[in-house]
Amino acid sequence: MKRFKLAVVLAGVFAAIAVTGASGASFKVDNGPCPEPPGGGALLRCPTGHVAAPYSLQLQGEEGCDTYWFEIPNGALPAGHSMSRSGLLTGVPTGAGTARFWVWIHDLTAVEGGPSWCAYDDQSEREFSIPIDPGLAIVNDSVKPATVGQSYSETLAAKQVESLNPPAGPDVQAAWSVQSGALPPGLTFSPDGALAGAPTVEGSYQFVVRAQNGGQSATATYTLVVRQPVVVKSQFGSLKPPRAEVRIRLLTAATATGGTGTYAWSISSGALPVGVALDATNGTISGSPQKAGRFGFDVSAADGEGRDATVSAVLTVAPTLTIKTLHLTAAKLGRAYQAKFVTAGGVQPVSWTLRGRLPFGVRFAKRVGALVGTPRRMGTFRVTVEARDALGAKSQKTLVLLVKS
């Protein structure tokens, strides 16, 4: 005759029961973790599990060949559970209800690797049930990251869950505590589950919290990352002179420090000139402005964990560089002469060049863009003057200088 013993590990408590009989129909169960119901009956009731709480039950056999293997011929374990060939039933219940299933225990014969004297598989079977009640679960999968010196607030919540994936059930009040690990300096954790404060030290902090509601409890492990704040800098300031010009390609970039990973860039208010755009991946501002003017906008950068910062900027676009001098006043032989070329638009400073032949005694002052001197020869002198500004824009004009007596 073979005896069928069950050992159950639940919430850290180990217990065992023994079943004796020649067949599954003759099994009887002593008082234990999976007893027969009051008044007798074939169905064995195992300890109650709770949704979201790990559950473990080890089946063992006695007598027979002393080595065994197990299988479930019909019925179903609680959702979220599995049973190994060695009879270890483990899992995390995912829904409330009662599961019923049959278990067969087999002798492990010599042919299958059991004792040399075990020739026959003398199997027994019995039906079991495992009731699963609603359990306590912490619903926060993670906590948001924090920033050095900035206010932080995160509240954890618990549910009396009837099913998982996603957790479903009513919210419940719980008493909260930090079970192990350490919070970032500057943060506290209140009994109502609130993380609050302003972290003072950068780093990655792991800790375990515990929620207690009546006789049920749940734990969760979190990692809270604290980093330096994001700081954004722009190349444009409200008091700076023009940095761009109509139809001249512009290429510059805002920069950011702090936070972590790459930044996502955006224009959070205002607008760039038509023809100019911000690259959202690297903060580059580029393009060819199509209109002169003063354009105010805010540039924002956000890191991979949601920190962000904004800086106000002003981009002044100058009109296209143009030489406004339309003609040169006539000069008189032997008289002092000066004519300054005038520009409009462009971005200072402007440099000058001149091609052509000037009258003897007159020179081109390229630093200031002017003709100066005392002409010593009469005649008509054609010259081409070119202005080039700080952004490389050019403007040319061909003019005639007449020297009279």
Protein backbone atom coordinates (compact mmCIF):
# COMPACT_ATOMS: atom_id res chain seq x y z
CA MET A 1 0.00 0.00 0.00
CA LYS A 2 1.22 3.54 -0.76
CA ARG A 3 0.70 6.66 1.33
CA PHE A 4 0.29 10.08 -0.35
CA LYS A 5 1.70 13.01 1.59
CA LEU A 6 1.22 16.73 0.84
CA ALA A 7 3.56 19.41 2.09
CA VAL A 8 2.52 23.05 1.74
CA VAL A 9 4.66 26.17 2.03
CA LEU A 10 2.49 29.26 2.41
CA ALA A 11 3.52 32.63 3.81
CA GLY A 12 6.68 31.10 5.28
CA VAL A 13 4.89 28.22 7.12
CA PHE A 14 5.63 24.56 6.27
CA ALA A 15 3.17 21.79 7.07
CA ALA A 16 2.54 18.25 5.87
CA ILE A 17 -0.36 15.84 5.52
CA ALA A 18 -0.42 12.16 4.73
CA VAL A 19 -2.94 10.19 2.68
CA THR A 20 -3.12 6.38 2.83
CA GLY A 21 -4.93 3.91 0.69
CA ALA A 22 -4.60 1.41 -2.09
CA SER A 23 -6.10 3.72 -4.67
CA GLY A 24 -7.26 7.31 -5.10
CA ALA A 25 -10.75 6.32 -4.01
CA SER A 26 -9.55 5.02 -0.67
CA PHE A 27 -7.38 7.97 0.30
CA LYS A 28 -8.06 9.51 3.66
CA VAL A 29 -6.59 12.72 4.88
CA ASP A 30 -5.37 13.58 8.34
CA ASN A 31 -5.92 17.07 9.66
CA GLY A 32 -3.52 19.25 7.68
CA PRO A 33 -3.25 22.10 5.18
CA CYS A 34 -5.41 20.30 2.58
CA PRO A 35 -8.04 18.51 4.69
CA GLU A 36 -11.29 16.96 3.65
CA PRO A 37 -14.27 19.26 4.13
CA PRO A 38 -16.31 18.94 7.34
CA GLY A 39 -18.40 15.78 7.29
CA GLY A 40 -16.02 14.08 4.86
CA GLY A 41 -15.86 14.12 1.11
CA ALA A 42 -13.39 13.40 -1.64
CA LEU A 43 -12.41 17.00 -2.47
CA LEU A 44 -9.35 18.24 -0.57
CA ARG A 45 -9.24 21.92 0.26
CA CYS A 46 -5.75 23.50 0.22
CA PRO A 47 -4.78 26.74 1.97
CA THR A 48 -6.28 29.92 0.60
CA GLY A 49 -4.14 32.05 -1.69
CA HIS A 50 -4.52 35.72 -2.44
CA VAL A 51 -4.35 37.56 -5.73
CA ALA A 52 -0.89 39.06 -6.30
CA ALA A 53 0.68 37.17 -3.35
CA PRO A 54 3.22 34.42 -4.21
CA TYR A 55 1.90 30.92 -3.44
CA SER A 56 3.85 27.67 -3.10
CA LEU A 57 2.67 24.10 -2.46
CA GLN A 58 4.93 21.04 -2.54
CA LEU A 59 3.38 17.59 -3.08
CA GLN A 60 5.21 14.59 -1.64
CA GLY A 61 4.56 10.85 -1.52
CA GLU A 62 5.22 8.15 1.06
CA GLU A 63 5.85 4.41 0.87
CA GLY A 64 5.57 2.77 -2.50
CA CYS A 65 8.92 3.18 -4.26
CA ASP A 66 9.87 6.23 -2.17
CA THR A 67 10.51 8.30 -5.33
CA TYR A 68 7.67 9.86 -7.30
CA TRP A 69 6.55 12.08 -10.12
CA PHE A 70 3.32 14.02 -10.43
CA GLU A 71 0.92 15.14 -13.11
CA ILE A 72 -2.42 16.87 -13.43
CA PRO A 73 -4.68 14.73 -15.65
CA ASN A 74 -7.61 17.15 -15.67
CA GLY A 75 -8.88 20.31 -14.10
CA ALA A 76 -6.85 23.50 -13.90
CA LEU A 77 -4.52 25.17 -11.44
CA PRO A 78 -5.23 28.75 -10.38
CA ALA A 79 -4.38 31.19 -13.17
CA GLY A 80 -0.76 32.22 -12.90
CA HIS A 81 0.42 28.86 -11.50
CA SER A 82 2.30 25.86 -12.78
CA MET A 83 3.35 22.50 -11.31
CA SER A 84 6.68 20.79 -11.94
CA ARG A 85 7.12 17.05 -12.47
CA SER A 86 8.45 16.89 -8.91
CA GLY A 87 5.11 18.19 -7.61
CA LEU A 88 6.11 21.75 -6.79
CA LEU A 89 3.17 24.06 -7.43
CA THR A 90 4.14 27.73 -7.58
CA GLY A 91 2.86 30.99 -8.94
CA VAL A 92 1.27 34.34 -8.29
CA PRO A 93 -2.54 34.18 -8.45
CA THR A 94 -3.91 36.54 -11.08
CA GLY A 95 -7.62 36.25 -10.29
CA ALA A 96 -9.99 35.41 -7.46
CA GLY A 97 -12.00 32.19 -7.42
CA THR A 98 -11.62 28.48 -6.63
CA ALA A 99 -9.55 26.16 -8.81
CA ARG A 100 -10.23 22.40 -8.85
CA PHE A 101 -7.85 19.87 -10.29
CA TRP A 102 -6.85 16.19 -10.04
CA VAL A 103 -3.33 15.10 -9.15
CA TRP A 104 -1.83 11.73 -10.00
CA ILE A 105 1.21 10.53 -8.10
CA HIS A 106 3.35 7.91 -9.80
CA ASP A 107 6.11 5.67 -8.54
CA LEU A 108 9.36 6.45 -10.31
CA THR A 109 10.37 3.00 -11.55
CA ALA A 110 13.89 1.67 -12.10
CA VAL A 111 13.48 2.12 -15.85
CA GLU A 112 12.66 5.81 -15.26
CA GLY A 113 15.59 6.37 -12.93
CA GLY A 114 14.03 5.30 -9.62
CA PRO A 115 15.23 2.60 -7.19
CA SER A 116 16.42 -0.65 -8.76
CA TRP A 117 13.80 -2.62 -6.89
CA CYS A 118 10.89 -0.47 -8.15
CA ALA A 119 9.38 -2.40 -11.06
CA TYR A 120 5.81 -1.09 -11.24
CA ASP A 121 4.11 2.28 -11.27
CA ASP A 122 1.50 2.03 -8.51
CA GLN A 123 -0.28 5.36 -9.05
CA SER A 124 -2.89 7.09 -6.93
CA GLU A 125 -5.07 10.11 -7.60
CA ARG A 126 -7.06 12.69 -5.68
CA GLU A 127 -8.96 15.90 -6.43
CA PHE A 128 -7.82 19.18 -4.86
CA SER A 129 -9.13 22.72 -4.64
CA ILE A 130 -7.33 25.99 -3.98
CA PRO A 131 -9.47 29.02 -3.14
CA ILE A 132 -8.02 32.36 -4.21
CA ASP A 133 -9.30 35.46 -2.41
CA PRO A 134 -8.77 39.11 -3.40
CA GLY A 135 -5.35 40.32 -2.33
CA LEU A 136 -3.52 43.53 -1.55
CA ALA A 137 -1.37 44.97 -4.31
CA ILE A 138 0.70 48.12 -4.71
CA VAL A 139 -0.35 49.55 -8.04
CA ASN A 140 2.61 51.86 -8.76
CA ASP A 141 4.97 50.12 -11.17
CA SER A 142 7.67 52.74 -10.63
CA VAL A 143 8.31 56.17 -9.15
CA LYS A 144 9.16 59.20 -11.23
CA PRO A 145 12.74 60.52 -11.23
CA ALA A 146 13.76 63.52 -9.16
CA THR A 147 15.96 66.57 -9.60
CA VAL A 148 18.50 68.03 -7.20
CA GLY A 149 17.09 71.06 -5.41
CA GLN A 150 13.61 70.80 -6.91
CA SER A 151 10.38 69.94 -5.10
CA TYR A 152 9.33 66.29 -5.43
CA SER A 153 6.01 64.60 -4.74
CA GLU A 154 4.82 61.06 -5.49
CA THR A 155 2.01 59.19 -3.73
CA LEU A 156 1.81 55.39 -3.75
CA ALA A 157 -1.53 53.59 -3.87
CA ALA A 158 -2.84 50.13 -2.99
CA LYS A 159 -5.83 48.13 -4.24
CA GLN A 160 -7.80 45.16 -2.99
CA VAL A 161 -7.23 43.39 -6.28
CA GLU A 162 -9.60 40.80 -7.65
CA SER A 163 -7.58 40.33 -10.82
CA LEU A 164 -4.24 41.38 -12.28
CA ASN A 165 -3.07 42.57 -15.70
CA PRO A 166 -4.22 45.22 -15.16
CA PRO A 167 -4.91 45.34 -11.42
CA ALA A 168 -8.66 45.61 -10.91
CA GLY A 169 -10.40 46.26 -7.64
CA PRO A 170 -11.22 49.04 -5.21
CA ASP A 171 -8.60 51.36 -3.78
CA VAL A 172 -7.91 50.77 -0.10
CA GLN A 173 -6.16 52.67 2.64
CA ALA A 174 -2.89 51.20 3.83
CA ALA A 175 -0.21 51.89 6.40
CA TRP A 176 3.04 52.50 4.54
CA SER A 177 6.67 52.14 5.59
CA VAL A 178 10.14 51.73 4.13
CA GLN A 179 11.08 48.12 4.74
CA SER A 180 14.68 48.30 3.51
CA GLY A 181 17.03 50.43 1.45
CA ALA A 182 17.40 54.19 1.63
CA LEU A 183 15.55 57.20 0.29
CA PRO A 184 17.47 60.03 -1.37
CA PRO A 185 18.65 62.63 1.16
CA GLY A 186 16.01 65.35 1.38
CA LEU A 187 13.02 63.05 0.79
CA THR A 188 10.66 61.53 3.36
CA PHE A 189 8.04 58.77 3.14
CA SER A 190 4.87 59.27 5.16
CA PRO A 191 2.57 56.55 6.58
CA ASP A 192 -0.04 57.49 3.99
CA GLY A 193 2.34 56.59 1.15
CA ALA A 194 3.59 60.03 0.12
CA LEU A 195 7.17 60.60 -1.02
CA ALA A 196 7.94 64.30 -0.67
CA GLY A 197 10.73 66.81 -0.27
CA ALA A 198 13.59 68.23 -2.31
CA PRO A 199 16.51 65.84 -2.92
CA THR A 200 19.94 67.23 -2.19
CA VAL A 201 22.31 64.58 -3.56
CA GLU A 202 22.51 63.13 -7.05
CA GLY A 203 22.42 59.34 -7.36
CA SER A 204 20.34 56.18 -7.78
CA TYR A 205 18.50 55.01 -4.66
CA GLN A 206 16.79 51.62 -4.28
CA PHE A 207 14.34 50.90 -1.49
CA VAL A 208 11.53 48.51 -0.58
CA VAL A 209 8.17 49.82 0.66
CA ARG A 210 5.53 47.87 2.55
CA ALA A 211 1.79 48.46 2.54
CA GLN A 212 -0.30 46.93 5.36
CA ASN A 213 -4.08 46.63 5.29
CA GLY A 214 -5.58 44.53 8.03
CA GLY A 215 -3.98 41.08 7.91
CA GLN A 216 -2.67 41.52 4.36
CA SER A 217 0.51 43.19 3.23
CA ALA A 218 2.34 43.84 0.00
CA THR A 219 5.82 45.03 -0.85
CA ALA A 220 7.35 46.73 -3.87
CA THR A 221 10.90 47.61 -4.81
CA TYR A 222 11.62 50.98 -6.38
CA THR A 223 14.63 52.77 -7.79
CA LEU A 224 14.49 56.54 -7.58
CA VAL A 225 17.03 58.38 -9.72
CA VAL A 226 18.13 61.89 -8.74
CA ARG A 227 20.01 64.00 -11.29
CA GLN A 228 21.15 67.57 -11.78
CA PRO A 229 18.58 69.98 -13.23
CA VAL A 230 18.51 70.67 -16.96
CA VAL A 231 19.94 74.08 -17.91
CA VAL A 232 19.45 75.53 -21.40
CA LYS A 233 21.61 78.23 -23.00
CA SER A 234 20.87 80.15 -26.18
CA GLN A 235 23.16 82.04 -28.54
CA PHE A 236 20.59 84.81 -28.83
CA GLY A 237 20.00 87.57 -26.31
CA SER A 238 17.61 90.48 -26.33
CA LEU A 239 20.38 93.09 -26.16
CA LYS A 240 22.63 91.58 -28.79
CA PRO A 241 22.95 93.09 -32.31
CA PRO A 242 21.53 91.29 -35.33
CA ARG A 243 22.87 87.76 -35.76
CA ALA A 244 21.03 86.86 -38.96
CA GLU A 245 20.21 88.37 -42.32
CA VAL A 246 17.50 87.88 -44.91
CA ARG A 247 18.35 85.04 -47.33
CA ILE A 248 21.67 84.29 -45.61
CA ARG A 249 21.89 80.78 -44.17
CA LEU A 250 21.91 80.67 -40.38
CA LEU A 251 23.37 77.80 -38.38
CA THR A 252 23.65 77.84 -34.61
CA ALA A 253 22.56 75.69 -31.69
CA ALA A 254 21.10 75.97 -28.23
CA THR A 255 22.92 73.90 -25.61
CA ALA A 256 21.78 72.03 -22.52
CA THR A 257 23.44 70.47 -19.48
CA GLY A 258 22.21 68.32 -16.61
CA GLY A 259 19.59 65.59 -16.62
CA THR A 260 20.39 62.41 -18.51
CA GLY A 261 20.48 61.02 -22.02
CA THR A 262 19.66 62.98 -25.12
CA TYR A 263 17.43 66.04 -25.09
CA ALA A 264 14.19 66.66 -26.96
CA TRP A 265 14.07 70.28 -28.16
CA SER A 266 11.08 72.47 -28.92
CA ILE A 267 9.95 76.06 -29.36
CA SER A 268 7.62 76.36 -26.39
CA SER A 269 6.38 79.86 -27.21
CA GLY A 270 6.88 82.52 -29.82
CA ALA A 271 8.12 81.71 -33.31
CA LEU A 272 11.26 81.56 -35.39
CA PRO A 273 11.47 83.57 -38.63
CA VAL A 274 9.95 81.99 -41.71
CA GLY A 275 12.63 79.86 -43.32
CA VAL A 276 14.31 78.96 -40.00
CA ALA A 277 13.59 75.81 -37.97
CA LEU A 278 14.70 74.09 -34.78
CA ASP A 279 15.97 70.51 -34.98
CA ALA A 280 14.12 68.67 -32.21
CA THR A 281 16.90 66.09 -31.80
CA ASN A 282 19.98 68.28 -31.35
CA GLY A 283 18.85 71.85 -30.70
CA THR A 284 20.24 73.20 -33.97
CA ILE A 285 18.58 76.33 -35.32
CA SER A 286 19.14 76.65 -39.05
CA GLY A 287 17.72 77.99 -42.27
CA SER A 288 17.57 81.15 -44.38
CA PRO A 289 15.31 83.87 -42.93
CA GLN A 290 12.87 85.26 -45.45
CA LYS A 291 11.94 88.41 -43.56
CA ALA A 292 13.76 91.00 -41.47
CA GLY A 293 12.62 91.74 -37.95
CA ARG A 294 12.97 90.92 -34.27
CA PHE A 295 11.68 87.47 -33.35
CA GLY A 296 11.19 86.44 -29.73
CA PHE A 297 10.79 82.79 -28.75
CA ASP A 298 11.40 80.32 -25.94
CA VAL A 299 13.62 77.28 -26.46
CA SER A 300 12.91 74.23 -24.27
CA ALA A 301 14.86 71.02 -23.74
CA ALA A 302 13.61 67.87 -21.99
CA ASP A 303 15.79 64.92 -21.00
CA GLY A 304 14.88 61.25 -21.21
CA GLU A 305 13.36 61.22 -17.71
CA GLY A 306 11.06 64.22 -18.13
CA ARG A 307 13.17 67.02 -16.69
CA ASP A 308 13.00 70.19 -18.75
CA ALA A 309 14.17 73.78 -18.86
CA THR A 310 13.41 76.83 -20.99
CA VAL A 311 15.37 79.89 -22.01
CA SER A 312 14.03 83.03 -23.68
CA ALA A 313 15.75 84.17 -26.84
CA VAL A 314 15.52 86.94 -29.41
CA LEU A 315 16.76 86.60 -32.96
CA THR A 316 17.15 89.85 -34.86
CA VAL A 317 17.23 89.44 -38.63
CA ALA A 318 18.78 92.28 -40.58
CA PRO A 319 17.59 93.29 -44.06
CA THR A 320 19.74 92.26 -47.00
CA LEU A 321 23.01 94.16 -47.28
CA THR A 322 22.74 96.90 -49.92
CA ILE A 323 25.04 99.73 -51.03
CA LYS A 324 22.79 102.76 -50.98
CA THR A 325 25.16 105.19 -52.69
CA LEU A 326 23.69 105.77 -56.14
CA HIS A 327 26.24 108.21 -57.59
CA LEU A 328 29.45 110.07 -56.70
CA THR A 329 29.63 113.83 -56.51
CA ALA A 330 31.98 115.35 -59.02
CA ALA A 331 35.48 116.31 -57.89
CA LYS A 332 37.47 119.38 -58.84
CA LEU A 333 41.03 119.29 -59.96
CA GLY A 334 43.40 120.27 -57.14
CA ARG A 335 40.65 120.43 -54.52
CA ALA A 336 40.38 118.09 -51.53
CA TYR A 337 37.75 115.40 -52.15
CA GLN A 338 35.90 112.86 -50.00
CA ALA A 339 33.02 110.49 -50.81
CA LYS A 340 31.83 107.83 -48.39
CA PHE A 341 29.95 104.76 -49.56
CA VAL A 342 26.77 104.10 -47.56
CA THR A 343 25.12 100.74 -46.89
CA ALA A 344 21.79 99.63 -45.49
CA GLY A 345 20.96 96.30 -43.85
CA GLY A 346 23.52 93.58 -43.32
CA VAL A 347 25.36 92.69 -40.16
CA GLN A 348 28.29 94.76 -38.98
CA PRO A 349 31.21 95.01 -39.43
CA VAL A 350 31.34 95.66 -43.17
CA SER A 351 34.56 95.34 -45.19
CA TRP A 352 35.18 97.04 -48.51
CA THR A 353 37.00 96.38 -51.76
CA LEU A 354 37.27 98.50 -54.91
CA ARG A 355 38.17 97.68 -58.52
CA GLY A 356 38.91 100.21 -61.22
CA ARG A 357 41.21 103.19 -61.83
CA LEU A 358 41.10 106.25 -59.59
CA PRO A 359 42.45 109.67 -60.52
CA PHE A 360 46.01 110.37 -59.45
CA GLY A 361 45.94 111.84 -55.92
CA VAL A 362 42.76 110.00 -54.82
CA ARG A 363 42.86 106.75 -52.85
CA PHE A 364 40.34 104.26 -51.50
CA ALA A 365 40.13 104.14 -47.67
CA LYS A 366 38.93 100.52 -47.40
CA ARG A 367 38.60 100.56 -43.63
CA VAL A 368 35.81 103.14 -43.77
CA GLY A 369 34.67 102.65 -47.37
CA ALA A 370 35.46 106.10 -48.70
CA LEU A 371 37.33 107.91 -51.51
CA VAL A 372 39.69 110.58 -50.16
CA GLY A 373 42.43 112.79 -51.57
CA THR A 374 43.10 115.65 -53.99
CA PRO A 375 42.67 114.74 -57.66
CA ARG A 376 45.63 115.72 -59.91
CA ARG A 377 44.09 114.68 -63.20
CA MET A 378 40.83 115.42 -64.92
CA GLY A 379 38.69 112.78 -66.50
CA THR A 380 36.00 110.20 -66.01
CA PHE A 381 36.86 107.26 -63.79
CA ARG A 382 34.64 104.16 -63.50
CA VAL A 383 35.01 102.05 -60.34
CA THR A 384 33.20 99.03 -58.84
CA VAL A 385 32.90 98.98 -55.09
CA GLU A 386 31.93 95.89 -53.08
CA ALA A 387 30.74 95.66 -49.47
CA ARG A 388 30.90 92.39 -47.51
CA ASP A 389 29.29 92.07 -44.07
CA ALA A 390 30.01 89.83 -41.05
CA LEU A 391 27.80 87.03 -42.37
CA GLY A 392 29.41 87.02 -45.82
CA ALA A 393 26.65 88.87 -47.64
CA LYS A 394 27.91 91.00 -50.58
CA SER A 395 26.65 94.04 -52.42
CA GLN A 396 28.28 95.68 -55.44
CA LYS A 397 27.82 98.99 -57.17
CA THR A 398 29.55 100.44 -60.24
CA LEU A 399 29.90 104.23 -60.07
CA VAL A 400 31.55 107.00 -62.04
CA LEU A 401 33.80 109.68 -60.56
CA LEU A 402 34.03 112.80 -62.68
CA VAL A 403 36.99 115.16 -62.09
CA LYS A 404 36.48 118.63 -63.54
CA SER A 405 38.69 121.66 -63.74
